[in-house]
Each structure stands twice: as C-alpha cells, then as structure tokens.
Protein backbone atom coordinates (compact mmCIF):
# COMPACT_ATOMS: atom_id res chain seq x y z
CA MET A 1 18.55 -1.42 -21.53
CA GLU A 2 15.23 -0.53 -19.86
CA ASN A 3 16.75 -0.33 -16.33
CA SER A 4 19.66 1.68 -17.48
CA VAL A 5 17.35 4.20 -19.00
CA LEU A 6 15.16 4.20 -15.76
CA ARG A 7 18.40 4.99 -13.76
CA ILE A 8 19.35 7.82 -16.21
CA GLY A 9 15.80 9.16 -16.03
CA LEU A 10 15.90 9.14 -12.24
CA LEU A 11 19.18 10.91 -12.05
CA LEU A 12 18.08 13.65 -14.52
CA LEU A 13 14.87 14.00 -12.34
CA GLY A 14 17.03 14.41 -9.29
CA LEU A 15 19.19 17.02 -10.80
CA CYS A 16 16.24 18.93 -12.08
CA SER A 17 14.05 18.85 -8.96
CA GLY A 18 16.19 18.66 -5.94
CA SER A 19 17.88 16.24 -3.72
CA VAL A 20 14.85 14.14 -2.70
CA LEU A 21 14.32 12.55 -6.14
CA ALA A 22 18.18 12.13 -6.65
CA LEU A 23 18.15 9.69 -3.62
CA THR A 24 15.75 7.37 -5.36
CA ARG A 25 17.72 4.47 -6.92
CA ASP A 26 16.94 1.38 -8.97
CA ILE A 27 18.05 -1.86 -7.05
CA PRO A 28 17.80 -5.22 -8.75
CA VAL A 29 16.83 -8.15 -6.61
CA ALA A 30 17.38 -11.95 -7.42
CA THR A 31 14.30 -14.13 -6.79
CA PRO A 32 13.66 -17.86 -7.65
CA GLY A 33 11.77 -16.60 -10.74
CA GLY A 34 14.40 -14.22 -11.99
CA TRP A 35 15.59 -10.72 -11.53
CA ARG A 36 13.11 -8.11 -10.16
CA HIS A 37 13.43 -4.48 -9.50
CA VAL A 38 12.70 -2.09 -6.62
CA LEU A 39 13.12 1.68 -6.38
CA LEU A 40 14.66 2.70 -3.14
CA ALA A 41 14.14 6.06 -1.55
CA GLN A 42 16.16 7.21 1.58
CA ALA A 43 17.34 10.42 3.38
CA ASP A 44 20.07 12.64 2.11
CA SER A 45 22.25 12.01 5.16
CA PRO A 46 21.02 8.75 6.51
CA ARG A 47 22.10 7.42 10.08
CA LYS A 48 24.39 4.65 9.90
CA THR A 49 22.23 2.27 12.18
CA PRO A 50 19.58 0.19 10.57
CA ARG A 51 16.30 2.10 9.76
CA PRO A 52 12.64 1.18 9.46
CA LEU A 53 11.54 -0.12 5.99
CA VAL A 54 8.32 0.37 4.23
CA LEU A 55 7.48 -1.55 1.23
CA ILE A 56 5.20 0.14 -1.35
CA LEU A 57 2.86 -1.92 -3.73
CA HIS A 58 1.40 -0.08 -6.59
CA GLY A 59 -2.07 -0.73 -8.06
CA HIS A 60 -2.94 -2.75 -11.13
CA THR A 61 -1.65 -1.07 -14.42
CA ALA A 62 0.72 1.03 -12.45
CA SER A 63 4.45 0.73 -11.52
CA ALA A 64 7.07 1.41 -8.86
CA ALA A 65 8.02 4.58 -10.44
CA GLN A 66 4.43 5.95 -10.79
CA ALA A 67 3.75 5.13 -7.07
CA LEU A 68 6.63 7.31 -6.06
CA GLY A 69 5.63 10.14 -8.42
CA LEU A 70 8.45 9.89 -10.86
CA LEU A 71 6.38 9.62 -14.07
CA HIS A 72 4.41 12.89 -13.35
CA ALA A 73 1.51 11.56 -15.65
CA GLU A 74 -0.88 11.64 -12.68
CA PRO A 75 -0.66 12.53 -9.00
CA SER A 76 0.25 9.81 -6.74
CA PRO A 77 -0.50 10.04 -2.99
CA LEU A 78 1.83 7.37 -2.35
CA SER A 79 4.83 9.54 -3.46
CA GLN A 80 4.33 11.40 -0.13
CA TRP A 81 6.47 8.55 1.26
CA VAL A 82 9.60 10.01 -0.46
CA GLY A 83 9.22 13.07 1.75
CA ILE A 84 8.61 10.93 4.88
CA ALA A 85 11.80 8.99 3.99
CA GLU A 86 13.86 12.19 4.04
CA ARG A 87 11.98 13.74 7.11
CA GLU A 88 11.90 10.58 9.35
CA ASP A 89 15.15 8.93 7.91
CA ILE A 90 13.51 5.71 6.99
CA LEU A 91 13.80 3.41 3.95
CA VAL A 92 10.88 3.42 1.29
CA ALA A 93 11.17 0.57 -1.22
CA SER A 94 8.69 0.76 -4.15
CA LEU A 95 8.38 -2.75 -5.73
CA ASP A 96 7.62 -3.32 -9.38
CA GLY A 97 4.85 -5.95 -10.02
CA ALA A 98 4.83 -8.33 -12.93
CA ARG A 99 2.69 -8.51 -16.06
CA GLY A 100 -0.42 -10.78 -16.00
CA ALA A 101 -2.59 -12.34 -18.78
CA ASP A 102 -3.97 -8.93 -19.52
CA ASN A 103 -0.43 -7.66 -20.07
CA GLU A 104 -0.67 -5.19 -17.29
CA GLN A 105 1.51 -4.96 -14.33
CA GLY A 106 0.20 -6.00 -11.06
CA TRP A 107 0.29 -8.51 -8.20
CA ASN A 108 -0.29 -12.26 -7.47
CA ASP A 109 -2.60 -11.54 -4.55
CA CYS A 110 -4.70 -14.17 -2.81
CA ARG A 111 -7.72 -14.07 -5.14
CA ALA A 112 -8.07 -17.42 -6.80
CA ASP A 113 -10.57 -16.10 -9.27
CA ALA A 114 -8.40 -13.02 -10.45
CA LEU A 115 -7.40 -14.86 -13.68
CA ASN A 116 -5.50 -11.86 -15.06
CA ASN A 117 -3.17 -11.63 -12.10
CA PRO A 118 0.44 -12.49 -12.76
CA ARG A 119 1.47 -16.08 -11.44
CA THR A 120 4.74 -14.78 -10.08
CA ASP A 121 5.79 -15.37 -6.48
CA ASP A 122 5.50 -11.96 -5.23
CA VAL A 123 5.80 -13.04 -1.62
CA ALA A 124 9.34 -14.44 -2.42
CA PHE A 125 10.08 -11.11 -4.13
CA ALA A 126 9.14 -9.06 -1.02
CA ARG A 127 11.03 -11.29 1.25
CA ALA A 128 14.15 -11.00 -1.08
CA VAL A 129 13.87 -7.25 -0.90
CA VAL A 130 13.71 -7.29 2.90
CA LYS A 131 16.54 -9.79 3.22
CA LYS A 132 18.73 -7.74 0.88
CA LEU A 133 18.27 -4.50 2.72
CA VAL A 134 18.51 -6.24 6.25
CA ASP A 135 21.57 -8.16 5.25
CA SER A 136 23.32 -5.03 4.00
CA GLY A 137 22.71 -3.33 7.32
CA LEU A 138 20.31 -0.65 6.03
CA ALA A 139 17.04 -2.07 7.34
CA ASP A 140 15.90 -2.83 10.86
CA SER A 141 14.40 -6.33 10.74
CA HIS A 142 12.13 -5.57 13.54
CA ARG A 143 10.62 -2.62 11.86
CA VAL A 144 9.34 -3.75 8.45
CA TYR A 145 6.08 -2.56 7.08
CA ALA A 146 4.11 -2.78 3.67
CA MET A 147 1.55 -0.47 2.18
CA GLY A 148 -0.43 -1.04 -0.91
CA MET A 149 -3.21 0.53 -3.11
CA SER A 150 -5.99 -1.55 -4.80
CA ASN A 151 -4.30 -4.71 -6.18
CA GLY A 152 -1.40 -3.57 -4.23
CA GLY A 153 -3.48 -3.33 -1.13
CA MET A 154 -4.74 -6.88 -1.67
CA MET A 155 -0.98 -7.90 -2.09
CA ALA A 156 -0.40 -6.21 1.34
CA PHE A 157 -2.99 -8.58 2.78
CA ARG A 158 -1.24 -11.51 1.33
CA LEU A 159 2.18 -10.37 2.78
CA GLY A 160 0.52 -9.81 6.07
CA GLN A 161 -0.55 -13.41 6.14
CA GLN A 162 2.54 -14.95 4.70
CA MET A 163 5.43 -12.88 5.77
CA PRO A 164 6.34 -13.22 9.52
CA GLU A 165 8.98 -10.57 8.95
CA LEU A 166 6.36 -7.79 8.65
CA THR A 167 5.35 -5.66 11.69
CA ALA A 168 2.22 -4.10 10.20
CA VAL A 169 0.44 -3.49 6.69
CA ALA A 170 -1.59 -1.00 5.33
CA ALA A 171 -4.10 -1.52 2.59
CA ILE A 172 -6.17 1.07 0.62
CA SER A 173 -9.21 0.35 -1.42
CA ALA A 174 -8.74 -3.27 -0.74
CA SER A 175 -10.20 -6.15 1.09
CA MET A 176 -9.43 -9.96 1.61
CA ALA A 177 -10.04 -12.51 -1.06
CA ALA A 178 -13.49 -14.26 -1.15
CA ASP A 179 -12.04 -17.31 -2.81
CA SER A 180 -8.57 -17.30 -1.24
CA LEU A 181 -5.39 -19.04 -2.30
CA CYS A 182 -3.96 -18.15 1.14
CA ARG A 183 -4.68 -20.72 3.73
CA GLU A 184 -2.54 -19.35 6.52
CA LYS A 185 -4.04 -18.01 9.62
CA ILE A 186 -3.86 -14.29 10.10
CA PRO A 187 -0.95 -13.71 12.34
CA ASP A 188 -1.62 -12.15 15.87
CA HIS A 189 1.52 -10.06 15.78
CA THR A 190 0.98 -8.20 12.50
CA GLY A 191 -1.01 -4.85 12.59
CA LEU A 192 -3.39 -3.84 10.02
CA LEU A 193 -4.50 -0.43 8.87
CA LEU A 194 -7.42 -0.61 6.30
CA ILE A 195 -8.79 2.40 4.38
CA SER A 196 -11.66 1.96 2.01
CA GLY A 197 -14.33 4.03 0.59
CA ASP A 198 -17.86 2.78 1.01
CA SER A 199 -18.89 4.27 -2.26
CA ASP A 200 -16.06 2.55 -4.33
CA PRO A 201 -17.25 1.75 -7.74
CA LEU A 202 -14.43 -0.81 -8.43
CA LEU A 203 -14.09 -2.81 -5.17
CA PRO A 204 -17.53 -3.14 -3.46
CA TRP A 205 -17.62 -2.34 0.21
CA SER A 206 -20.16 -4.95 0.74
CA GLY A 207 -18.07 -7.51 -1.06
CA GLY A 208 -18.31 -9.23 -4.56
CA GLN A 209 -16.51 -8.92 -7.79
CA VAL A 210 -13.90 -6.30 -8.54
CA ARG A 211 -14.49 -4.76 -11.87
CA PHE A 212 -13.62 -1.59 -13.89
CA GLY A 213 -16.84 -0.27 -15.56
CA ARG A 214 -18.14 -2.84 -17.84
CA SER A 215 -14.84 -4.87 -18.02
CA ALA A 216 -14.52 -8.47 -16.99
CA ALA A 217 -14.57 -9.18 -13.21
CA ARG A 218 -11.15 -9.33 -11.56
CA GLY A 219 -11.87 -11.56 -8.73
CA GLY A 220 -14.04 -11.41 -5.66
CA VAL A 221 -13.45 -9.79 -2.30
CA MET A 222 -15.14 -10.11 1.24
CA PRO A 223 -17.03 -7.27 2.59
CA VAL A 224 -14.44 -4.76 4.02
CA LEU A 225 -16.01 -5.00 7.48
CA THR A 226 -15.52 -8.80 7.39
CA SER A 227 -11.70 -8.37 6.63
CA PHE A 228 -11.48 -5.85 9.58
CA SER A 229 -13.39 -8.28 11.75
CA ALA A 230 -11.08 -11.14 10.78
CA TRP A 231 -7.95 -9.30 11.66
CA ALA A 232 -9.42 -7.91 14.85
CA ALA A 233 -10.26 -11.55 15.87
CA ALA A 234 -6.64 -12.73 15.13
CA HIS A 235 -5.57 -10.16 17.77
CA GLU A 236 -8.31 -11.45 20.18
CA LEU A 237 -10.46 -8.28 19.58
CA ASP A 238 -14.02 -7.92 18.97
CA ALA A 239 -14.86 -5.51 16.11
CA ARG A 240 -18.22 -4.89 17.36
CA LYS A 241 -16.53 -3.15 20.51
CA ALA A 242 -14.28 -0.96 18.56
CA GLN A 243 -14.15 2.69 19.41
CA VAL A 244 -15.47 5.02 16.64
CA ARG A 245 -14.18 8.43 15.78
CA GLU A 246 -15.11 10.70 12.89
CA LEU A 247 -12.90 13.09 11.08
CA PRO A 248 -14.19 15.83 8.74
CA PRO A 249 -12.62 16.60 5.34
CA GLN A 250 -10.24 19.49 4.97
CA PHE A 251 -11.70 21.07 1.89
CA ARG A 252 -14.97 22.77 1.86
CA ASN A 253 -16.38 21.07 -1.25
CA ASP A 254 -15.48 17.62 -0.07
CA LYS A 255 -18.66 15.78 0.96
CA THR A 256 -16.74 12.68 2.40
CA ARG A 257 -15.83 12.01 6.02
CA ALA A 258 -13.73 9.33 7.80
CA ARG A 259 -15.27 6.98 10.17
CA ILE A 260 -12.43 5.32 12.10
CA SER A 261 -12.77 2.13 14.09
CA TYR A 262 -9.93 1.28 16.44
CA PHE A 263 -8.88 -0.28 19.78
CA GLY A 264 -7.09 1.24 22.72
CA SER A 265 -6.27 5.02 23.08
CA THR A 266 -5.87 6.24 19.46
CA PRO A 267 -6.15 4.81 15.96
CA ALA A 268 -2.27 4.98 15.62
CA SER A 269 -1.67 2.77 18.59
CA SER A 270 -4.22 0.23 17.81
CA PRO A 271 -3.24 -3.02 16.46
CA VAL A 272 -6.00 -3.12 13.87
CA THR A 273 -7.65 0.14 12.50
CA LEU A 274 -10.30 0.58 10.01
CA VAL A 275 -10.93 3.94 8.14
CA GLU A 276 -14.14 3.93 6.33
CA ILE A 277 -14.34 6.97 3.90
CA VAL A 278 -17.99 7.66 3.79
CA GLY A 279 -18.85 8.70 0.31
CA GLY A 280 -15.24 7.86 -0.88
CA GLY A 281 -14.32 6.01 -4.03
CA HIS A 282 -11.33 3.86 -5.23
CA VAL A 283 -8.64 6.32 -4.52
CA GLU A 284 -6.19 7.33 -1.71
CA PRO A 285 -7.44 10.09 0.50
CA SER A 286 -4.96 13.00 0.14
CA ILE A 287 -4.71 16.81 0.86
CA LEU A 288 -1.57 17.38 -1.25
CA HIS A 289 -1.81 14.96 -4.10
CA ARG A 290 -5.24 15.51 -5.93
CA TYR A 291 -6.42 13.57 -8.88
CA ARG A 292 -8.05 15.24 -11.85
CA SER A 293 -11.86 15.41 -12.04
CA LEU A 294 -12.01 13.31 -15.15
CA TYR A 295 -10.30 10.45 -13.35
CA LEU A 296 -12.53 10.94 -10.35
CA GLN A 297 -15.55 10.60 -12.46
CA VAL A 298 -14.58 7.05 -13.04
CA VAL A 299 -13.02 6.05 -9.59
CA GLY A 300 -15.22 8.12 -7.26
CA ALA A 301 -14.57 10.79 -4.74
CA GLN A 302 -11.15 11.55 -3.33
CA SER A 303 -11.36 12.45 0.21
CA SER A 304 -9.32 15.28 1.99
CA VAL A 305 -9.61 13.87 5.52
CA PHE A 306 -5.88 13.16 5.73
CA GLU A 307 -2.79 12.41 3.81
CA SER A 308 -2.76 8.67 3.46
CA ALA A 309 0.95 8.00 3.72
CA ASP A 310 1.31 10.33 6.65
CA PHE A 311 -1.48 8.59 8.44
CA ALA A 312 -0.01 5.19 7.64
CA TRP A 313 3.42 6.23 9.09
CA ASP A 314 1.86 7.40 12.33
CA PHE A 315 0.22 3.96 12.51
CA PHE A 316 3.52 2.17 11.58
CA LYS A 317 6.14 4.12 13.43
CA ASN A 318 5.72 2.88 17.13
CA LYS A 319 5.04 -0.77 16.13
CA THR A 320 7.94 -3.21 16.54
CA ARG A 321 8.18 -6.94 16.12
C-alpha cells in the first residue's frame, strides 16, 4: 500500500511541476534480506545506449524521496541530481535505507560502535540495484558512482571499499569508521571526493564520536584528513604533496571558503580530492538549495562555494572503470 501511495504521489508531483519529476519512478529490488526500494530519475528522452549511473544515499532519519526533493519539507541539495539526470542524460538512483534500533531510517555503514544503525546488508542492496539496471541495458557497468550525505556518506565509504563495481564515490559530512567492520583494503581503482566542514558540530573534523547535540553518540570516525590520506595512499599518492586551491563563497554574507586538496591538473581529474569547507557545518554546500536559518543553528554554516551535486558530477563524469 505504502509503495502504491508513493507512486501515485510521484505522478501527481510530476503532473503539477513539470516533466522532470514525472520521470522519477519507484523500482522494487530483490535482495537476500527482502524487497527494497529505489527511486530512479532519468532524462525525458534518454538515449538507448547504457548510461552512467549515480547511486544517492540519504542521511540518517531521511529517505530516498527526501534526498531527491520530492517531500518539499526541507530543501535538499542532493535534489540537484534530478536536473543533472535530465541535462546529462544519466541515471540517478536514490536508495531507501532501512530502520535501525532507533526506528529511524539509515545505513549499515562500517562503524562497529554505531549501535543504532540498521543491520541490513546494504552493500548487497546497492549491488542488486546496479545489477538490475546494468542487466536491463540502462546502466553502463563501467561508469557507476555513489554519493552520500552524513550516514549516507559513510555508507558511500563502505561501498567504495566493498563494491568493485564502483568507479568513484563522493562523501559529504563523513569520514571513515574509527572502529571499522570493513577489513577490505581501499581499492586502488576507485576514486574519492570527500567534502567536509571543519566546524561540523555533529561529525568532528579531528575525529571522535558522531553525535547530535546531547543525544547518545552514534559511533566514532577517523579524522577527516586521515581518511583522505588513506585513500590517497591506496592510489600511491602522498596526501602531504597534494596541491591546494581555495575557492571563495558566492554569497557576500557567507564567511566560509573551500580549501581543495588534489593531485594532477584539476580537482575534477584527480583520483582523490578533499574539499575542506573552512567554517562549514554538517550540511551540503549549495547555491540553489539553501537550508533555513533555524536548521543551520543546529548543524552549522552552509557554504555557497559551489553546488555539491554539480561539483561531484564534474569529478565523476570523466572517470571510467
């Protein structure tokens, strides 16, 4: 019943607001743990050849629909991917997490001490989504990417370690687990874009327990720079020798800035890129999708240095496996 209501709601949204939302459809996916759901966005007139696929992983307490901006309760910078799907003729698959011990929807990332995380096999889920879309001829198996925010960003780290199908991952407001369930080596063929605020009140830049205000801790993470260094080392790169470029914000009243560490000619062509949002909080940088001031009082400053989804697509689009 719930899925039928969602499909009807998506249809009505599409009829009311134009063709882009009408192209977002609910797809059930069979996994060893049961049926899971993904929202698929694609261009109005897609080409018949297989296309790049981007997996979207929402944050803790959120959903696939929220990530794509279909609920309209709060802005969602990740919803920019719907427009990218239309403009670039790619597939964007927003996955729904599972409910954990706190009855909130999220992901079974690599943090062994994140006791409220669900215990579902979310790697198997992501792999099933990719297989379904590749086997159907829609997705290009050599151009599969994942991007996640917060708990979804930490799940993107896990997929990057455990899914050889992936070409690159992007994680926002995230870092690798301090006490990790994932023992696999970081692959030397999977790119990483890491975007984190150094004034994040939930996920500490210097490492430690993730927590929301006075709530119980939600598992520990490495320092963000350690995660960057580990992925760089997997690509036989020395993080200390990365080039550094700074970007100013686009809005006058924005006191943040971006410090970008990368290798090679540009941040987009680099196999591993770190964006430190100086003064930034636990929120996606965005120019078009701005959170309300009350929300930002809790999560910290939202930077306007770039549009996160567009920056990630620039990083992804020329990388193939």
